[in-house]
Amino acid sequence: MQRSESRRKAALSNFSDEGIEGQLGKILGDFRRKATGIRGSVIADGNGLTVASDFQGQVSPAVLSAMSTLIAQSGARVFENIQKPAHARRPKRQPGSPQD
């Protein structure tokens, strides 16, 4: 029992010596190893820049972060538009455009 407690304390000590990016990277790696079907994970900021990643494969974490951020932003815009009243969602007609 004593040995496992000292290992846990050593692991926590090493964990706190790393930067936040390293800590997140370890968490993502543990997640990938323990969860079935996970190839990797990326944490990105609101601008699509990679904060931490653990990705196995040929896809660049930076590209994956940027693409995911664009998808999330697009989804947020769609959700905002769905919540608007119907008359606010209709595109405005341009002068000289054909009538329906």
C-alpha atoms as a PDB file:
ATOM      1  CA  MET A   1       0.000   0.000   0.000  1.00  0.00           C
ATOM      2  CA  GLN A   2       2.862   2.364   0.870  1.00  0.00           C
ATOM      3  CA  ARG A   3       4.558   1.803  -2.491  1.00  0.00           C
ATOM      4  CA  SER A   4       1.479   2.697  -4.577  1.00  0.00           C
ATOM      5  CA  GLU A   5       0.967   5.882  -2.538  1.00  0.00           C
ATOM      6  CA  SER A   6       4.565   6.980  -3.135  1.00  0.00           C
ATOM      7  CA  ARG A   7       4.197   6.260  -6.890  1.00  0.00           C
ATOM      8  CA  ARG A   8       1.030   8.350  -7.003  1.00  0.00           C
ATOM      9  CA  LYS A   9       2.761  11.260  -5.253  1.00  0.00           C
ATOM     10  CA  ALA A  10       5.735  11.012  -7.625  1.00  0.00           C
ATOM     11  CA  ALA A  11       3.412  11.031 -10.639  1.00  0.00           C
ATOM     12  CA  LEU A  12       1.586  14.100  -9.295  1.00  0.00           C
ATOM     13  CA  SER A  13       4.906  15.831  -8.654  1.00  0.00           C
ATOM     14  CA  ASN A  14       6.092  15.197 -12.220  1.00  0.00           C
ATOM     15  CA  PHE A  15       2.721  16.299 -13.557  1.00  0.00           C
ATOM     16  CA  SER A  16       2.903  19.646 -11.768  1.00  0.00           C
ATOM     17  CA  ASP A  17       6.427  20.309 -13.104  1.00  0.00           C
ATOM     18  CA  GLU A  18       5.143  20.388 -16.702  1.00  0.00           C
ATOM     19  CA  GLY A  19       3.463  23.298 -18.407  1.00  0.00           C
ATOM     20  CA  ILE A  20      -0.272  23.277 -18.988  1.00  0.00           C
ATOM     21  CA  GLU A  21       0.257  22.106 -22.579  1.00  0.00           C
ATOM     22  CA  GLY A  22       2.242  19.081 -21.414  1.00  0.00           C
ATOM     23  CA  GLN A  23      -0.343  18.243 -18.776  1.00  0.00           C
ATOM     24  CA  LEU A  24      -3.164  18.434 -21.305  1.00  0.00           C
ATOM     25  CA  GLY A  25      -1.157  16.342 -23.765  1.00  0.00           C
ATOM     26  CA  LYS A  26      -0.748  13.596 -21.149  1.00  0.00           C
ATOM     27  CA  ILE A  27      -4.461  13.677 -20.342  1.00  0.00           C
ATOM     28  CA  LEU A  28      -5.337  13.398 -24.042  1.00  0.00           C
ATOM     29  CA  GLY A  29      -2.876  10.508 -24.443  1.00  0.00           C
ATOM     30  CA  ASP A  30      -4.400   8.660 -21.494  1.00  0.00           C
ATOM     31  CA  PHE A  31      -7.869   9.280 -22.925  1.00  0.00           C
ATOM     32  CA  ARG A  32      -6.862   7.858 -26.330  1.00  0.00           C
ATOM     33  CA  ARG A  33      -5.332   4.748 -24.768  1.00  0.00           C
ATOM     34  CA  LYS A  34      -8.254   4.042 -22.428  1.00  0.00           C
ATOM     35  CA  ALA A  35     -11.218   4.826 -24.703  1.00  0.00           C
ATOM     36  CA  THR A  36     -11.907   2.508 -27.619  1.00  0.00           C
ATOM     37  CA  GLY A  37     -12.138   3.986 -31.087  1.00  0.00           C
ATOM     38  CA  ILE A  38     -10.305   7.240 -30.305  1.00  0.00           C
ATOM     39  CA  ARG A  39      -7.517   8.008 -32.760  1.00  0.00           C
ATOM     40  CA  GLY A  40      -6.503  11.254 -31.128  1.00  0.00           C
ATOM     41  CA  SER A  41      -7.637  14.537 -29.669  1.00  0.00           C
ATOM     42  CA  VAL A  42      -6.841  18.186 -30.177  1.00  0.00           C
ATOM     43  CA  ILE A  43      -7.632  21.134 -27.910  1.00  0.00           C
ATOM     44  CA  ALA A  44      -7.775  24.425 -29.783  1.00  0.00           C
ATOM     45  CA  ASP A  45      -8.422  28.000 -28.738  1.00  0.00           C
ATOM     46  CA  GLY A  46     -11.176  30.166 -30.223  1.00  0.00           C
ATOM     47  CA  ASN A  47      -8.921  31.159 -33.122  1.00  0.00           C
ATOM     48  CA  GLY A  48      -8.201  27.570 -34.140  1.00  0.00           C
ATOM     49  CA  LEU A  49      -4.670  27.473 -32.739  1.00  0.00           C
ATOM     50  CA  THR A  50      -3.584  24.202 -31.152  1.00  0.00           C
ATOM     51  CA  VAL A  51      -3.219  24.336 -27.368  1.00  0.00           C
ATOM     52  CA  ALA A  52      -2.504  20.618 -26.884  1.00  0.00           C
ATOM     53  CA  SER A  53      -2.794  17.494 -28.981  1.00  0.00           C
ATOM     54  CA  ASP A  54      -2.326  13.759 -28.976  1.00  0.00           C
ATOM     55  CA  PHE A  55      -2.976  12.558 -32.476  1.00  0.00           C
ATOM     56  CA  GLN A  56      -1.695   9.426 -34.155  1.00  0.00           C
ATOM     57  CA  GLY A  57      -1.794   9.607 -37.913  1.00  0.00           C
ATOM     58  CA  GLN A  58      -0.959  11.661 -40.931  1.00  0.00           C
ATOM     59  CA  VAL A  59      -3.249  14.607 -40.174  1.00  0.00           C
ATOM     60  CA  SER A  60      -1.566  17.708 -38.804  1.00  0.00           C
ATOM     61  CA  PRO A  61      -2.973  18.757 -35.405  1.00  0.00           C
ATOM     62  CA  ALA A  62      -2.782  22.398 -36.553  1.00  0.00           C
ATOM     63  CA  VAL A  63      -4.915  21.680 -39.631  1.00  0.00           C
ATOM     64  CA  LEU A  64      -7.372  19.614 -37.593  1.00  0.00           C
ATOM     65  CA  SER A  65      -7.669  22.418 -35.001  1.00  0.00           C
ATOM     66  CA  ALA A  66      -8.323  25.063 -37.637  1.00  0.00           C
ATOM     67  CA  MET A  67     -10.905  22.922 -39.457  1.00  0.00           C
ATOM     68  CA  SER A  68     -12.693  22.037 -36.219  1.00  0.00           C
ATOM     69  CA  THR A  69     -12.851  25.672 -35.164  1.00  0.00           C
ATOM     70  CA  LEU A  70     -14.380  26.662 -38.513  1.00  0.00           C
ATOM     71  CA  ILE A  71     -16.976  23.910 -38.171  1.00  0.00           C
ATOM     72  CA  ALA A  72     -17.847  25.001 -34.627  1.00  0.00           C
ATOM     73  CA  GLN A  73     -18.143  28.657 -35.673  1.00  0.00           C
ATOM     74  CA  SER A  74     -20.356  27.732 -38.627  1.00  0.00           C
ATOM     75  CA  GLY A  75     -22.550  25.626 -36.378  1.00  0.00           C
ATOM     76  CA  ALA A  76     -22.902  28.509 -33.936  1.00  0.00           C
ATOM     77  CA  ARG A  77     -24.008  30.811 -36.769  1.00  0.00           C
ATOM     78  CA  VAL A  78     -26.575  28.293 -37.985  1.00  0.00           C
ATOM     79  CA  PHE A  79     -27.935  27.932 -34.464  1.00  0.00           C
ATOM     80  CA  GLU A  80     -28.191  31.734 -34.119  1.00  0.00           C
ATOM     81  CA  ASN A  81     -30.098  31.929 -37.418  1.00  0.00           C
ATOM     82  CA  ILE A  82     -32.491  29.154 -36.405  1.00  0.00           C
ATOM     83  CA  GLN A  83     -33.426  31.122 -33.309  1.00  0.00           C
ATOM     84  CA  LYS A  84     -34.278  34.253 -35.314  1.00  0.00           C
ATOM     85  CA  PRO A  85     -37.877  34.870 -36.415  1.00  0.00           C
ATOM     86  CA  ALA A  86     -38.708  33.665 -39.940  1.00  0.00           C
ATOM     87  CA  HIS A  87     -38.896  37.190 -41.431  1.00  0.00           C
ATOM     88  CA  ALA A  88     -35.371  37.945 -40.190  1.00  0.00           C
ATOM     89  CA  ARG A  89     -33.958  34.788 -41.856  1.00  0.00           C
ATOM     90  CA  ARG A  90     -35.234  35.584 -45.355  1.00  0.00           C
ATOM     91  CA  PRO A  91     -32.607  37.080 -47.632  1.00  0.00           C
ATOM     92  CA  LYS A  92     -33.402  40.596 -48.762  1.00  0.00           C
ATOM     93  CA  ARG A  93     -34.176  41.052 -52.456  1.00  0.00           C
ATOM     94  CA  GLN A  94     -31.739  43.026 -54.497  1.00  0.00           C
ATOM     95  CA  PRO A  95     -33.129  45.830 -56.681  1.00  0.00           C
ATOM     96  CA  GLY A  96     -33.677  44.531 -60.198  1.00  0.00           C
ATOM     97  CA  SER A  97     -33.726  40.867 -59.168  1.00  0.00           C
ATOM     98  CA  PRO A  98     -36.514  38.674 -60.634  1.00  0.00           C
ATOM     99  CA  GLN A  99     -39.681  38.214 -58.578  1.00  0.00           C
ATOM    100  CA  ASP A 100     -40.668  34.698 -57.405  1.00  0.00           C
END
